Amino acid sequence: MLNKFLSLDEFITPGLIKPFYFVALGLTALGTLLGVLGGLGALIFSPLTGLITILTALIAGVAYAIGIRMFSELFIAVFRLHDRFVGGHPKDGIPE
């Protein structure tokens, strides 16, 4: 593993996109859960504020999940275009 990391025979960034995606989704789910729990706590004191907080947390969680997916797919597309036009090997030159 360390030898693969230290050698410049292949790009490691495409392999890092998938773990980044899952970590970001996990953090988004955690943030959404905390927002919903905060809204449930606010329901005790002000029902309207609690309901708005819960709805906002759910909508923001869905929006963040979609944004993370789009961001990850953008990176995948950039690296696939790079492989197609420049080459899959870092030592390959730029074609004329």
N, C-alpha and C. Protein backbone atom coordinates (compact mmCIF):
# COMPACT_ATOMS: atom_id res chain seq x y z
N MET A 1 0.82 -1.19 0.00
CA MET A 1 0.00 0.00 0.00
C MET A 1 0.86 1.25 0.00
N LEU A 2 1.87 1.28 0.87
CA LEU A 2 2.75 2.44 0.93
C LEU A 2 3.56 2.57 -0.35
N ASN A 3 3.99 1.43 -0.90
CA ASN A 3 4.74 1.45 -2.15
C ASN A 3 3.89 2.02 -3.28
N LYS A 4 2.61 1.65 -3.31
CA LYS A 4 1.69 2.17 -4.34
C LYS A 4 1.52 3.68 -4.16
N PHE A 5 1.47 4.13 -2.90
CA PHE A 5 1.30 5.55 -2.63
C PHE A 5 2.53 6.35 -3.03
N LEU A 6 3.70 5.81 -2.77
CA LEU A 6 4.93 6.55 -3.04
C LEU A 6 5.35 6.52 -4.50
N SER A 7 4.91 5.50 -5.25
CA SER A 7 5.29 5.46 -6.66
C SER A 7 4.34 6.34 -7.46
N LEU A 8 4.83 6.84 -8.56
CA LEU A 8 4.02 7.72 -9.41
C LEU A 8 3.52 6.97 -10.64
N ASP A 9 3.19 5.69 -10.48
CA ASP A 9 2.74 4.89 -11.61
C ASP A 9 1.27 5.08 -11.93
N GLU A 10 0.46 5.51 -10.96
CA GLU A 10 -0.96 5.75 -11.23
C GLU A 10 -1.47 6.83 -10.28
N PHE A 11 -2.56 7.44 -10.69
CA PHE A 11 -3.17 8.47 -9.87
C PHE A 11 -3.94 7.84 -8.71
N ILE A 12 -3.83 8.42 -7.53
CA ILE A 12 -4.58 7.88 -6.39
C ILE A 12 -5.85 8.69 -6.12
N THR A 13 -5.99 9.85 -6.73
CA THR A 13 -7.15 10.70 -6.46
C THR A 13 -8.48 10.04 -6.80
N PRO A 14 -8.63 9.34 -7.95
CA PRO A 14 -9.92 8.68 -8.19
C PRO A 14 -10.30 7.66 -7.12
N GLY A 15 -9.32 7.04 -6.51
CA GLY A 15 -9.60 6.09 -5.44
C GLY A 15 -9.99 6.78 -4.13
N LEU A 16 -9.66 8.06 -4.01
CA LEU A 16 -10.01 8.80 -2.80
C LEU A 16 -11.39 9.43 -2.87
N ILE A 17 -11.97 9.49 -4.05
CA ILE A 17 -13.25 10.15 -4.21
C ILE A 17 -14.36 9.37 -3.50
N LYS A 18 -14.36 8.05 -3.62
CA LYS A 18 -15.42 7.24 -3.00
C LYS A 18 -15.40 7.33 -1.48
N PRO A 19 -14.26 7.19 -0.81
CA PRO A 19 -14.27 7.38 0.66
C PRO A 19 -14.68 8.79 1.06
N PHE A 20 -14.23 9.80 0.31
CA PHE A 20 -14.65 11.18 0.59
C PHE A 20 -16.17 11.30 0.50
N TYR A 21 -16.76 10.68 -0.50
CA TYR A 21 -18.20 10.73 -0.69
C TYR A 21 -18.93 10.13 0.51
N PHE A 22 -18.48 8.96 0.98
CA PHE A 22 -19.16 8.31 2.09
C PHE A 22 -18.95 9.07 3.41
N VAL A 23 -17.77 9.63 3.62
CA VAL A 23 -17.53 10.42 4.83
C VAL A 23 -18.39 11.68 4.81
N ALA A 24 -18.46 12.33 3.67
CA ALA A 24 -19.29 13.54 3.56
C ALA A 24 -20.77 13.22 3.74
N LEU A 25 -21.22 12.09 3.19
CA LEU A 25 -22.61 11.69 3.41
C LEU A 25 -22.88 11.39 4.88
N GLY A 26 -21.95 10.75 5.54
CA GLY A 26 -22.10 10.47 6.96
C GLY A 26 -22.18 11.74 7.79
N LEU A 27 -21.32 12.71 7.48
CA LEU A 27 -21.36 13.98 8.20
C LEU A 27 -22.65 14.74 7.92
N THR A 28 -23.13 14.65 6.69
CA THR A 28 -24.41 15.28 6.35
C THR A 28 -25.57 14.64 7.11
N ALA A 29 -25.56 13.31 7.18
CA ALA A 29 -26.61 12.61 7.92
C ALA A 29 -26.54 12.97 9.41
N LEU A 30 -25.34 13.06 9.96
CA LEU A 30 -25.18 13.44 11.36
C LEU A 30 -25.69 14.86 11.61
N GLY A 31 -25.34 15.78 10.73
CA GLY A 31 -25.80 17.16 10.86
C GLY A 31 -27.32 17.27 10.75
N THR A 32 -27.89 16.49 9.82
CA THR A 32 -29.35 16.49 9.67
C THR A 32 -30.02 15.93 10.92
N LEU A 33 -29.47 14.86 11.44
CA LEU A 33 -30.01 14.26 12.67
C LEU A 33 -29.94 15.24 13.84
N LEU A 34 -28.83 15.94 13.97
CA LEU A 34 -28.71 16.93 15.04
C LEU A 34 -29.69 18.08 14.84
N GLY A 35 -29.91 18.49 13.61
CA GLY A 35 -30.89 19.54 13.34
C GLY A 35 -32.31 19.10 13.69
N VAL A 36 -32.64 17.86 13.36
CA VAL A 36 -33.97 17.33 13.68
C VAL A 36 -34.13 17.22 15.20
N LEU A 37 -33.10 16.73 15.88
CA LEU A 37 -33.18 16.63 17.34
C LEU A 37 -33.29 18.01 17.99
N GLY A 38 -32.58 18.98 17.45
CA GLY A 38 -32.71 20.35 17.95
C GLY A 38 -34.11 20.90 17.72
N GLY A 39 -34.70 20.57 16.57
CA GLY A 39 -36.07 20.98 16.30
C GLY A 39 -37.06 20.32 17.22
N LEU A 40 -36.81 19.05 17.53
CA LEU A 40 -37.69 18.36 18.48
C LEU A 40 -37.59 18.99 19.87
N GLY A 41 -36.39 19.41 20.24
CA GLY A 41 -36.22 20.11 21.51
C GLY A 41 -36.91 21.47 21.51
N ALA A 42 -36.88 22.14 20.37
CA ALA A 42 -37.53 23.45 20.26
C ALA A 42 -39.05 23.33 20.24
N LEU A 43 -39.57 22.16 19.87
CA LEU A 43 -41.02 21.96 19.87
C LEU A 43 -41.63 22.15 21.25
N ILE A 44 -40.86 21.88 22.28
CA ILE A 44 -41.36 22.01 23.66
C ILE A 44 -41.68 23.48 23.97
N PHE A 45 -40.81 24.39 23.53
CA PHE A 45 -40.98 25.80 23.87
C PHE A 45 -41.81 26.56 22.84
N SER A 46 -41.60 26.24 21.57
CA SER A 46 -42.32 26.95 20.51
C SER A 46 -42.59 25.96 19.37
N PRO A 47 -43.83 25.49 19.25
CA PRO A 47 -44.13 24.48 18.23
C PRO A 47 -43.84 24.93 16.80
N LEU A 48 -44.13 26.18 16.49
CA LEU A 48 -43.90 26.65 15.12
C LEU A 48 -42.41 26.71 14.80
N THR A 49 -41.63 27.21 15.73
CA THR A 49 -40.18 27.28 15.54
C THR A 49 -39.58 25.88 15.42
N GLY A 50 -40.03 24.95 16.24
CA GLY A 50 -39.54 23.58 16.18
C GLY A 50 -39.86 22.92 14.86
N LEU A 51 -41.10 23.13 14.37
CA LEU A 51 -41.49 22.54 13.09
C LEU A 51 -40.68 23.12 11.93
N ILE A 52 -40.46 24.42 11.96
CA ILE A 52 -39.66 25.06 10.91
C ILE A 52 -38.22 24.56 10.96
N THR A 53 -37.69 24.38 12.16
CA THR A 53 -36.33 23.88 12.32
C THR A 53 -36.20 22.46 11.78
N ILE A 54 -37.17 21.62 12.07
CA ILE A 54 -37.14 20.23 11.57
C ILE A 54 -37.21 20.21 10.06
N LEU A 55 -38.14 20.96 9.48
CA LEU A 55 -38.27 21.00 8.02
C LEU A 55 -37.01 21.56 7.36
N THR A 56 -36.45 22.59 7.94
CA THR A 56 -35.22 23.18 7.39
C THR A 56 -34.06 22.19 7.45
N ALA A 57 -33.95 21.47 8.54
CA ALA A 57 -32.87 20.49 8.67
C ALA A 57 -33.02 19.37 7.64
N LEU A 58 -34.25 18.90 7.42
CA LEU A 58 -34.47 17.83 6.44
C LEU A 58 -34.20 18.31 5.02
N ILE A 59 -34.67 19.50 4.69
CA ILE A 59 -34.45 20.04 3.34
C ILE A 59 -32.96 20.30 3.10
N ALA A 60 -32.28 20.86 4.11
CA ALA A 60 -30.84 21.11 3.97
C ALA A 60 -30.07 19.80 3.84
N GLY A 61 -30.46 18.77 4.57
CA GLY A 61 -29.79 17.48 4.46
C GLY A 61 -29.90 16.88 3.07
N VAL A 62 -31.10 16.96 2.50
CA VAL A 62 -31.30 16.45 1.13
C VAL A 62 -30.49 17.28 0.14
N ALA A 63 -30.50 18.60 0.30
CA ALA A 63 -29.75 19.47 -0.61
C ALA A 63 -28.25 19.21 -0.52
N TYR A 64 -27.74 19.04 0.69
CA TYR A 64 -26.32 18.75 0.86
C TYR A 64 -25.95 17.40 0.25
N ALA A 65 -26.81 16.40 0.44
CA ALA A 65 -26.52 15.07 -0.13
C ALA A 65 -26.47 15.14 -1.65
N ILE A 66 -27.38 15.88 -2.26
CA ILE A 66 -27.36 16.04 -3.72
C ILE A 66 -26.11 16.80 -4.16
N GLY A 67 -25.76 17.85 -3.41
CA GLY A 67 -24.57 18.63 -3.75
C GLY A 67 -23.29 17.82 -3.63
N ILE A 68 -23.20 17.00 -2.61
CA ILE A 68 -22.02 16.15 -2.44
C ILE A 68 -21.92 15.16 -3.59
N ARG A 69 -23.06 14.59 -3.99
CA ARG A 69 -23.06 13.65 -5.12
C ARG A 69 -22.60 14.35 -6.40
N MET A 70 -23.12 15.55 -6.66
CA MET A 70 -22.72 16.29 -7.86
C MET A 70 -21.24 16.64 -7.83
N PHE A 71 -20.75 17.05 -6.69
CA PHE A 71 -19.34 17.40 -6.54
C PHE A 71 -18.45 16.18 -6.80
N SER A 72 -18.84 15.03 -6.26
CA SER A 72 -18.06 13.80 -6.47
C SER A 72 -18.09 13.37 -7.93
N GLU A 73 -19.25 13.45 -8.56
CA GLU A 73 -19.33 13.08 -9.97
C GLU A 73 -18.54 14.05 -10.85
N LEU A 74 -18.47 15.31 -10.45
CA LEU A 74 -17.66 16.27 -11.20
C LEU A 74 -16.19 15.88 -11.16
N PHE A 75 -15.71 15.49 -10.00
CA PHE A 75 -14.32 15.05 -9.89
C PHE A 75 -14.08 13.79 -10.72
N ILE A 76 -15.00 12.85 -10.69
CA ILE A 76 -14.85 11.63 -11.49
C ILE A 76 -14.80 11.99 -12.97
N ALA A 77 -15.67 12.90 -13.41
CA ALA A 77 -15.69 13.30 -14.82
C ALA A 77 -14.39 13.99 -15.22
N VAL A 78 -13.86 14.82 -14.35
CA VAL A 78 -12.61 15.51 -14.66
C VAL A 78 -11.47 14.52 -14.83
N PHE A 79 -11.39 13.53 -13.96
CA PHE A 79 -10.30 12.56 -14.06
C PHE A 79 -10.50 11.64 -15.26
N ARG A 80 -11.73 11.32 -15.61
CA ARG A 80 -11.95 10.51 -16.81
C ARG A 80 -11.59 11.29 -18.07
N LEU A 81 -11.92 12.58 -18.10
CA LEU A 81 -11.52 13.40 -19.24
C LEU A 81 -10.00 13.52 -19.32
N HIS A 82 -9.38 13.66 -18.19
CA HIS A 82 -7.92 13.73 -18.17
C HIS A 82 -7.31 12.43 -18.71
N ASP A 83 -7.83 11.29 -18.28
CA ASP A 83 -7.33 10.02 -18.79
C ASP A 83 -7.55 9.90 -20.28
N ARG A 84 -8.67 10.40 -20.76
CA ARG A 84 -8.98 10.27 -22.19
C ARG A 84 -8.09 11.16 -23.05
N PHE A 85 -7.89 12.40 -22.63
CA PHE A 85 -7.17 13.34 -23.48
C PHE A 85 -5.67 13.39 -23.22
N VAL A 86 -5.24 13.17 -22.01
CA VAL A 86 -3.82 13.25 -21.70
C VAL A 86 -3.20 11.87 -21.61
N GLY A 87 -3.90 10.94 -21.01
CA GLY A 87 -3.38 9.60 -20.84
C GLY A 87 -3.56 9.17 -19.40
N GLY A 88 -3.56 7.89 -19.19
CA GLY A 88 -3.80 7.36 -17.87
C GLY A 88 -2.57 7.26 -17.00
N HIS A 89 -1.42 7.58 -17.53
CA HIS A 89 -0.17 7.43 -16.80
C HIS A 89 0.44 8.80 -16.57
N PRO A 90 0.87 9.11 -15.36
CA PRO A 90 1.45 10.44 -15.11
C PRO A 90 2.70 10.72 -15.94
N LYS A 91 3.40 9.67 -16.38
CA LYS A 91 4.62 9.90 -17.17
C LYS A 91 4.31 10.12 -18.65
N ASP A 92 3.04 9.89 -19.06
CA ASP A 92 2.69 10.12 -20.45
C ASP A 92 2.72 11.62 -20.72
N GLY A 93 3.21 11.95 -21.91
CA GLY A 93 3.25 13.36 -22.28
C GLY A 93 1.89 13.81 -22.81
N ILE A 94 1.77 15.10 -22.98
CA ILE A 94 0.56 15.65 -23.58
C ILE A 94 0.63 15.43 -25.08
N PRO A 95 -0.42 14.83 -25.68
CA PRO A 95 -0.37 14.57 -27.12
C PRO A 95 -0.38 15.85 -27.94
N GLU A 96 0.30 15.82 -29.04
CA GLU A 96 0.38 16.98 -29.94
C GLU A 96 -0.83 17.07 -30.81
